[in-house]
Protein backbone atom coordinates (compact mmCIF):
# COMPACT_ATOMS: atom_id res chain seq x y z
CA UNK A 1 -27.39 -2.31 -65.18
CA UNK A 2 -29.97 0.08 -63.73
CA UNK A 3 -30.37 3.66 -64.92
CA UNK A 4 -27.39 5.81 -63.97
CA UNK A 5 -27.11 9.57 -63.80
CA UNK A 6 -24.19 11.71 -62.68
CA UNK A 7 -23.82 15.14 -61.15
CA UNK A 8 -20.38 16.66 -61.70
CA UNK A 9 -19.46 19.52 -59.38
CA UNK A 10 -17.72 22.03 -61.63
CA UNK A 11 -18.26 25.44 -60.03
CA UNK A 12 -14.78 25.78 -58.50
CA UNK A 13 -12.43 28.56 -59.58
CA UNK A 14 -8.79 28.02 -60.56
CA UNK A 15 -7.33 30.70 -58.28
CA UNK A 16 -4.82 28.38 -56.59
CA UNK A 17 -3.79 27.20 -60.06
CA UNK A 18 -2.76 30.79 -60.88
CA UNK A 19 -5.08 30.61 -63.89
CA UNK A 20 -8.16 32.41 -65.21
CA UNK A 21 -9.51 29.06 -66.36
CA UNK A 22 -12.13 27.38 -64.17
CA UNK A 23 -10.41 24.61 -62.21
CA UNK A 24 -12.16 21.72 -63.98
CA UNK A 25 -10.88 22.97 -67.36
CA UNK A 26 -7.23 22.71 -66.35
CA UNK A 27 -5.64 20.13 -68.67
CA UNK A 28 -4.42 16.68 -67.70
CA UNK A 29 -2.87 14.61 -70.49
CA UNK A 30 -3.99 17.15 -73.08
CA UNK A 31 -7.65 17.50 -72.16
CA UNK A 32 -9.63 19.26 -69.42
CA UNK A 33 -10.06 17.36 -66.15
CA UNK A 34 -13.84 17.36 -66.52
CA UNK A 35 -13.58 15.80 -69.98
CA UNK A 36 -11.82 12.74 -68.48
CA UNK A 37 -14.81 12.30 -66.14
CA UNK A 38 -17.36 12.67 -68.93
CA UNK A 39 -15.46 10.17 -71.10
CA UNK A 40 -15.58 7.63 -68.26
CA UNK A 41 -19.30 8.25 -67.67
CA UNK A 42 -19.93 7.71 -71.38
CA UNK A 43 -18.06 4.40 -71.12
CA UNK A 44 -20.37 3.57 -68.22
CA UNK A 45 -23.32 4.46 -70.48
CA UNK A 46 -24.74 6.98 -68.00
CA UNK A 47 -28.06 8.18 -69.38
CA UNK A 48 -27.91 11.63 -67.73
CA UNK A 49 -24.85 13.78 -66.99
CA UNK A 50 -25.46 17.13 -65.31
CA UNK A 51 -22.68 19.59 -64.44
CA UNK A 52 -23.03 22.22 -61.73
CA UNK A 53 -21.31 25.45 -62.79
CA UNK A 54 -20.67 28.90 -61.34
CA UNK A 55 -22.70 31.91 -62.55
CA UNK A 56 -19.79 32.83 -64.84
CA UNK A 57 -19.30 29.22 -65.96
CA UNK A 58 -19.84 29.70 -69.69
CA UNK A 59 -16.52 28.03 -70.58
CA UNK A 60 -17.46 24.94 -68.59
CA UNK A 61 -20.93 24.91 -70.20
CA UNK A 62 -19.28 24.96 -73.61
CA UNK A 63 -16.90 22.11 -72.69
CA UNK A 64 -19.61 19.77 -71.39
CA UNK A 65 -22.17 20.48 -74.15
CA UNK A 66 -24.49 18.96 -75.22
CA UNK A 67 -24.95 17.75 -71.65
CA UNK A 68 -27.02 20.10 -69.46
CA UNK A 69 -25.67 22.37 -66.75
CA UNK A 70 -27.15 23.91 -63.61
CA UNK A 71 -25.93 27.12 -62.00
CA UNK A 72 -24.95 27.29 -58.33
CA UNK A 73 -25.81 30.94 -57.78
CA UNK A 74 -24.00 31.19 -54.44
CA UNK A 75 -21.18 29.02 -53.11
CA UNK A 76 -22.93 27.64 -50.03
CA UNK A 77 -21.20 24.28 -49.81
CA UNK A 78 -21.07 20.94 -51.58
CA UNK A 79 -24.54 19.83 -50.50
CA UNK A 80 -25.97 23.08 -51.85
CA UNK A 81 -24.08 22.55 -55.12
CA UNK A 82 -25.70 19.14 -55.66
CA UNK A 83 -29.12 20.64 -54.85
CA UNK A 84 -28.60 22.97 -57.82
CA UNK A 85 -29.22 19.94 -60.07
CA UNK A 86 -32.70 19.34 -58.64
CA UNK A 87 -34.40 20.75 -61.74
CA UNK A 88 -32.70 18.14 -63.95
CA UNK A 89 -32.86 15.09 -61.69
CA UNK A 90 -35.61 15.43 -59.08
CA UNK A 91 -37.41 12.07 -58.74
CA UNK A 92 -34.87 10.30 -60.98
CA UNK A 93 -35.52 6.56 -60.87
CA UNK A 94 -32.02 5.13 -60.77
CA UNK A 95 -28.59 5.64 -59.27
CA UNK A 96 -27.00 9.09 -59.09
CA UNK A 97 -23.23 9.41 -58.88
CA UNK A 98 -21.89 12.67 -57.43
CA UNK A 99 -18.37 13.42 -58.64
CA UNK A 100 -16.02 16.34 -57.99
CA UNK A 101 -14.81 17.80 -61.27
CA UNK A 102 -11.18 18.01 -60.12
CA UNK A 103 -10.86 14.23 -59.69
CA UNK A 104 -10.39 12.97 -63.26
CA UNK A 105 -8.82 9.57 -62.61
CA UNK A 106 -11.79 7.48 -61.46
CA UNK A 107 -12.29 4.39 -63.61
CA UNK A 108 -15.45 2.77 -64.90
CA UNK A 109 -14.68 -0.24 -62.67
CA UNK A 110 -14.71 1.92 -59.54
CA UNK A 111 -18.00 3.53 -60.54
CA UNK A 112 -19.47 0.06 -61.11
CA UNK A 113 -18.31 -0.98 -57.65
CA UNK A 114 -20.30 1.90 -56.13
CA UNK A 115 -23.36 1.00 -58.19
CA UNK A 116 -23.12 -2.67 -57.20
CA UNK A 117 -23.04 -1.78 -53.51
CA UNK A 118 -25.95 0.63 -53.95
CA UNK A 119 -27.97 -2.23 -55.46
CA UNK A 120 -27.60 -4.17 -52.19
CA UNK A 121 -30.18 -1.88 -50.59
CA UNK A 122 -28.08 1.09 -49.52
CA UNK A 123 -29.45 4.58 -50.17
CA UNK A 124 -26.04 6.25 -49.88
CA UNK A 125 -22.67 4.72 -50.75
CA UNK A 126 -19.41 6.63 -50.24
CA UNK A 127 -16.14 5.95 -51.99
CA UNK A 128 -13.21 5.50 -49.63
CA UNK A 129 -9.45 5.13 -50.04
CA UNK A 130 -6.43 4.58 -47.81
CA UNK A 131 -3.83 7.34 -48.30
CA UNK A 132 -0.31 7.12 -46.87
CA UNK A 133 -0.94 10.37 -44.99
CA UNK A 134 -4.61 10.44 -43.96
CA UNK A 135 -4.29 13.53 -41.75
CA UNK A 136 -6.47 15.99 -43.67
CA UNK A 137 -9.24 13.62 -44.75
CA UNK A 138 -12.56 12.73 -43.20
CA UNK A 139 -12.73 9.20 -41.82
CA UNK A 140 -15.33 6.65 -42.88
CA UNK A 141 -16.48 4.86 -39.72
CA UNK A 142 -17.66 1.38 -40.70
CA UNK A 143 -19.47 -1.32 -38.71
CA UNK A 144 -20.19 -4.74 -40.24
CA UNK A 145 -20.24 -3.35 -43.79
CA UNK A 146 -22.42 -0.38 -42.87
CA UNK A 147 -21.21 3.22 -42.84
CA UNK A 148 -22.04 4.72 -39.46
CA UNK A 149 -20.74 8.23 -40.05
CA UNK A 150 -18.11 10.44 -41.65
CA UNK A 151 -15.92 12.24 -39.13
CA UNK A 152 -13.76 15.18 -40.17
CA UNK A 153 -10.19 14.99 -38.93
CA UNK A 154 -10.51 18.04 -36.70
CA UNK A 155 -13.55 16.50 -34.98
CA UNK A 156 -12.18 12.96 -34.70
CA UNK A 157 -11.08 11.24 -31.50
CA UNK A 158 -7.59 9.71 -31.31
CA UNK A 159 -9.17 6.31 -31.95
CA UNK A 160 -10.98 7.60 -35.02
CA UNK A 161 -7.85 9.33 -36.31
CA UNK A 162 -6.12 5.96 -36.24
CA UNK A 163 -8.58 4.75 -38.90
CA UNK A 164 -7.05 5.12 -42.37
CA UNK A 165 -10.21 4.55 -44.43
CA UNK A 166 -10.84 8.06 -45.77
CA UNK A 167 -13.55 9.81 -47.72
CA UNK A 168 -12.65 10.46 -51.38
CA UNK A 169 -15.64 12.69 -52.08
CA UNK A 170 -17.44 10.59 -54.70
CA UNK A 171 -20.83 9.24 -53.59
CA UNK A 172 -23.68 7.22 -55.04
CA UNK A 173 -27.32 7.86 -54.11
CA UNK A 174 -30.72 6.35 -54.66
CA UNK A 175 -32.02 8.98 -57.07
CA UNK A 176 -35.53 8.91 -55.60
CA UNK A 177 -34.17 9.73 -52.13
CA UNK A 178 -31.34 12.11 -53.10
CA UNK A 179 -33.06 15.48 -52.85
CA UNK A 180 -35.13 14.48 -49.82
CA UNK A 181 -31.85 13.69 -48.03
CA UNK A 182 -30.13 16.86 -49.22
CA UNK A 183 -33.13 18.98 -48.28
CA UNK A 184 -32.73 17.90 -44.65
CA UNK A 185 -29.05 18.91 -44.38
CA UNK A 186 -28.47 21.80 -41.99
CA UNK A 187 -26.02 24.68 -42.40
CA UNK A 188 -25.61 25.16 -38.66
CA UNK A 189 -21.82 25.09 -38.68
CA UNK A 190 -18.97 27.61 -38.48
CA UNK A 191 -18.99 28.23 -42.25
CA UNK A 192 -22.78 28.38 -42.61
CA UNK A 193 -22.54 25.88 -45.47
CA UNK A 194 -24.43 22.74 -46.49
CA UNK A 195 -21.98 19.83 -46.54
CA UNK A 196 -22.56 16.83 -48.81
CA UNK A 197 -20.91 14.57 -46.22
CA UNK A 198 -23.79 15.33 -43.83
CA UNK A 199 -26.00 13.28 -46.17
CA UNK A 200 -24.86 10.15 -44.35
CA UNK A 201 -26.03 11.37 -40.95
CA UNK A 202 -29.33 12.56 -42.44
CA UNK A 203 -29.95 9.30 -44.31
CA UNK A 204 -29.33 7.23 -41.19
CA UNK A 205 -31.69 9.47 -39.22
CA UNK A 206 -34.32 8.75 -41.89
CA UNK A 207 -33.85 5.02 -41.29
CA UNK A 208 -31.94 4.46 -44.54
CA UNK A 209 -28.81 2.34 -44.93
CA UNK A 210 -25.37 3.68 -45.88
CA UNK A 211 -22.18 1.90 -46.87
CA UNK A 212 -18.78 2.50 -48.52
CA UNK A 213 -16.48 0.80 -51.00
CA UNK A 214 -12.76 1.29 -51.61
CA UNK A 215 -10.78 2.52 -54.60
CA UNK A 216 -7.03 2.73 -55.26
CA UNK A 217 -5.37 5.80 -53.74
CA UNK A 218 -4.35 7.19 -57.13
CA UNK A 219 -7.93 7.37 -58.39
CA UNK A 220 -8.98 9.62 -55.52
CA UNK A 221 -6.26 12.17 -56.32
CA UNK A 222 -7.54 15.71 -56.86
CA UNK A 223 -5.95 18.89 -58.17
CA UNK A 224 -6.22 22.16 -56.27
CA UNK A 225 -2.71 23.43 -57.03
CA UNK A 226 -0.30 23.33 -59.97
CA UNK A 227 1.80 20.78 -58.07
CA UNK A 228 -1.19 18.49 -57.67
CA UNK A 229 -2.04 18.97 -61.34
CA UNK A 230 1.48 17.87 -62.28
CA UNK A 231 1.04 14.81 -60.04
CA UNK A 232 -2.18 13.87 -61.86
CA UNK A 233 -0.29 14.17 -65.15
CA UNK A 234 2.33 11.76 -63.82
CA UNK A 235 -0.34 9.29 -62.66
CA UNK A 236 -1.94 9.29 -66.13
CA UNK A 237 1.45 8.54 -67.70
CA UNK A 238 1.96 5.66 -65.27
CA UNK A 239 -1.51 4.30 -66.04
CA UNK A 240 -0.81 4.43 -69.79
CA UNK A 241 2.53 2.68 -69.29
CA UNK A 242 0.81 -0.06 -67.28
CA UNK A 243 -1.78 -0.57 -70.02
CA UNK A 244 0.98 -0.74 -72.62
CA UNK A 245 2.70 -3.66 -70.88
């Protein structure tokens, strides 16, 4: 397997969890969400793991130690968050996985699937899934195995909304192209933020190839609320029961 690095986005606050803990430290099955991700990356034998934290992210820094952290000084979007890791990974010769720290259920097999697709000559590979209710998710528009674009639900046509292949958030990049792509993302949008999903449009404009692979719905589950956290807990129990059979 080629060299693999990972950037975990861990700067989110736990306000909707009604907790003072940073969101990625909320426990699932007895350990912080971000620890599940790190354990899986260690199984994958990732040679670099970098976590992006908020300016007051000392608790997260402590949890992920001895792995390095980078501070996102201002919350200017997901693309900006990944750029915060430039000092640790600029020019990295290998694959870079970008993972949201509130999605702890991804497996090593799914990560390998992304890496395998990346090795086929794609500079950006997105991870998709097919939820029962796709309404709030961005759609992955595919054409003959290539990813043409990501369309947010609010911007999608009726035809595009009928597509149920949705963006999970996790992505895999050619490390040598990652920061060149991110550096070309614009913040000319209503929120004035730099969106990671715009990396696909930028990469295609640069003449690079993009694709997507699929994971089970459960793996793409994230926790923004206490209800969603409880659901993740239930999914972990189900997974353990399946393994025990």
